[in-house]
Amino acid sequence: MTHTQQEKTLSDVCLPKALAEEYPELFTKPQLDWLIKTRHKNGLAETGAVLKISRKIYIHKTRFFEWFMEQKAA
């Protein structure tokens, strides 16, 4: 992987708090925490959007938004 590819990939990863701050009209931190906590039930775990490294949670934004846009009201 080239340095440019690595930068692009890393720029797509953030903390849940940062995602809530970047998109306050869409998410609150507690909402994201709930989606992450229930990721094995809501299908988010299968997307690879949630990264857990050394007990810290990160969000892959592109994968998360792909999952988000596929959700439909019951």
C-alpha atoms as a PDB file:
ATOM      1  CA  MET A   1       0.000   0.000   0.000  1.00  0.00           C
ATOM      2  CA  THR A   2       1.396   3.383  -0.944  1.00  0.00           C
ATOM      3  CA  HIS A   3       1.581   6.255   1.485  1.00  0.00           C
ATOM      4  CA  THR A   4      -1.257   8.038  -0.385  1.00  0.00           C
ATOM      5  CA  GLN A   5      -3.525   4.971  -0.209  1.00  0.00           C
ATOM      6  CA  GLN A   6      -2.777   4.621   3.497  1.00  0.00           C
ATOM      7  CA  GLU A   7      -3.625   8.289   4.165  1.00  0.00           C
ATOM      8  CA  LYS A   8      -6.916   7.950   2.296  1.00  0.00           C
ATOM      9  CA  THR A   9      -7.815   4.819   4.234  1.00  0.00           C
ATOM     10  CA  LEU A  10      -6.867   6.294   7.608  1.00  0.00           C
ATOM     11  CA  SER A  11      -8.750   9.530   6.921  1.00  0.00           C
ATOM     12  CA  ASP A  12     -11.906   7.409   6.652  1.00  0.00           C
ATOM     13  CA  VAL A  13     -11.526   6.157  10.243  1.00  0.00           C
ATOM     14  CA  CYS A  14     -12.651   8.173  13.258  1.00  0.00           C
ATOM     15  CA  LEU A  15     -13.894   7.863  16.795  1.00  0.00           C
ATOM     16  CA  PRO A  16     -17.671   7.717  17.361  1.00  0.00           C
ATOM     17  CA  LYS A  17     -17.492  11.076  19.165  1.00  0.00           C
ATOM     18  CA  ALA A  18     -15.883  12.687  16.104  1.00  0.00           C
ATOM     19  CA  LEU A  19     -18.580  11.235  13.829  1.00  0.00           C
ATOM     20  CA  ALA A  20     -21.298  12.673  16.064  1.00  0.00           C
ATOM     21  CA  GLU A  21     -19.536  16.055  16.048  1.00  0.00           C
ATOM     22  CA  GLU A  22     -19.105  15.971  12.258  1.00  0.00           C
ATOM     23  CA  TYR A  23     -22.779  15.084  11.643  1.00  0.00           C
ATOM     24  CA  PRO A  24     -24.762  16.477  14.607  1.00  0.00           C
ATOM     25  CA  GLU A  25     -27.909  16.672  12.469  1.00  0.00           C
ATOM     26  CA  LEU A  26     -27.783  12.883  12.017  1.00  0.00           C
ATOM     27  CA  PHE A  27     -26.302  11.383  15.181  1.00  0.00           C
ATOM     28  CA  THR A  28     -25.760  11.959  18.850  1.00  0.00           C
ATOM     29  CA  LYS A  29     -22.953  10.209  20.709  1.00  0.00           C
ATOM     30  CA  PRO A  30     -25.468   8.088  22.694  1.00  0.00           C
ATOM     31  CA  GLN A  31     -27.160   7.002  19.439  1.00  0.00           C
ATOM     32  CA  LEU A  32     -23.840   5.889  17.979  1.00  0.00           C
ATOM     33  CA  ASP A  33     -22.936   4.135  21.223  1.00  0.00           C
ATOM     34  CA  TRP A  34     -26.220   2.187  21.026  1.00  0.00           C
ATOM     35  CA  LEU A  35     -25.688   1.253  17.363  1.00  0.00           C
ATOM     36  CA  ILE A  36     -22.193   0.041  18.221  1.00  0.00           C
ATOM     37  CA  LYS A  37     -23.331  -1.845  21.329  1.00  0.00           C
ATOM     38  CA  THR A  38     -26.051  -3.647  19.344  1.00  0.00           C
ATOM     39  CA  ARG A  39     -23.925  -4.134  16.198  1.00  0.00           C
ATOM     40  CA  HIS A  40     -24.231  -7.928  16.300  1.00  0.00           C
ATOM     41  CA  LYS A  41     -28.041  -7.676  16.250  1.00  0.00           C
ATOM     42  CA  ASN A  42     -28.449  -4.779  13.808  1.00  0.00           C
ATOM     43  CA  GLY A  43     -26.089  -6.068  11.101  1.00  0.00           C
ATOM     44  CA  LEU A  44     -23.445  -3.393  11.584  1.00  0.00           C
ATOM     45  CA  ALA A  45     -20.863  -5.956  12.759  1.00  0.00           C
ATOM     46  CA  GLU A  46     -20.878  -7.747   9.399  1.00  0.00           C
ATOM     47  CA  THR A  47     -20.007  -4.554   7.483  1.00  0.00           C
ATOM     48  CA  GLY A  48     -16.561  -4.082   8.994  1.00  0.00           C
ATOM     49  CA  ALA A  49     -17.534  -0.517   9.911  1.00  0.00           C
ATOM     50  CA  VAL A  50     -16.747  -0.980  13.612  1.00  0.00           C
ATOM     51  CA  LEU A  51     -13.120  -1.537  14.521  1.00  0.00           C
ATOM     52  CA  LYS A  52     -12.209  -2.557  18.062  1.00  0.00           C
ATOM     53  CA  ILE A  53      -8.516  -2.173  18.766  1.00  0.00           C
ATOM     54  CA  SER A  54      -7.111  -2.412  22.305  1.00  0.00           C
ATOM     55  CA  ARG A  55     -10.560  -1.857  23.820  1.00  0.00           C
ATOM     56  CA  LYS A  56     -11.015   1.316  21.788  1.00  0.00           C
ATOM     57  CA  ILE A  57     -13.785   1.637  19.179  1.00  0.00           C
ATOM     58  CA  TYR A  58     -13.295   3.268  15.778  1.00  0.00           C
ATOM     59  CA  ILE A  59     -15.719   3.820  12.906  1.00  0.00           C
ATOM     60  CA  HIS A  60     -14.905   3.291   9.238  1.00  0.00           C
ATOM     61  CA  LYS A  61     -17.094   6.089   7.864  1.00  0.00           C
ATOM     62  CA  THR A  62     -17.631   4.795   4.317  1.00  0.00           C
ATOM     63  CA  ARG A  63     -18.714   1.355   5.509  1.00  0.00           C
ATOM     64  CA  PHE A  64     -20.856   2.861   8.269  1.00  0.00           C
ATOM     65  CA  PHE A  65     -22.706   5.168   5.868  1.00  0.00           C
ATOM     66  CA  GLU A  66     -23.258   2.326   3.381  1.00  0.00           C
ATOM     67  CA  TRP A  67     -24.890   0.343   6.202  1.00  0.00           C
ATOM     68  CA  PHE A  68     -26.821   3.408   7.381  1.00  0.00           C
ATOM     69  CA  MET A  69     -28.288   4.084   3.933  1.00  0.00           C
ATOM     70  CA  GLU A  70     -29.483   0.475   3.651  1.00  0.00           C
ATOM     71  CA  GLN A  71     -31.620   0.731   6.794  1.00  0.00           C
ATOM     72  CA  LYS A  72     -35.357   0.918   6.306  1.00  0.00           C
ATOM     73  CA  ALA A  73     -38.178   1.754   8.690  1.00  0.00           C
ATOM     74  CA  ALA A  74     -40.122  -1.279   9.885  1.00  0.00           C
END
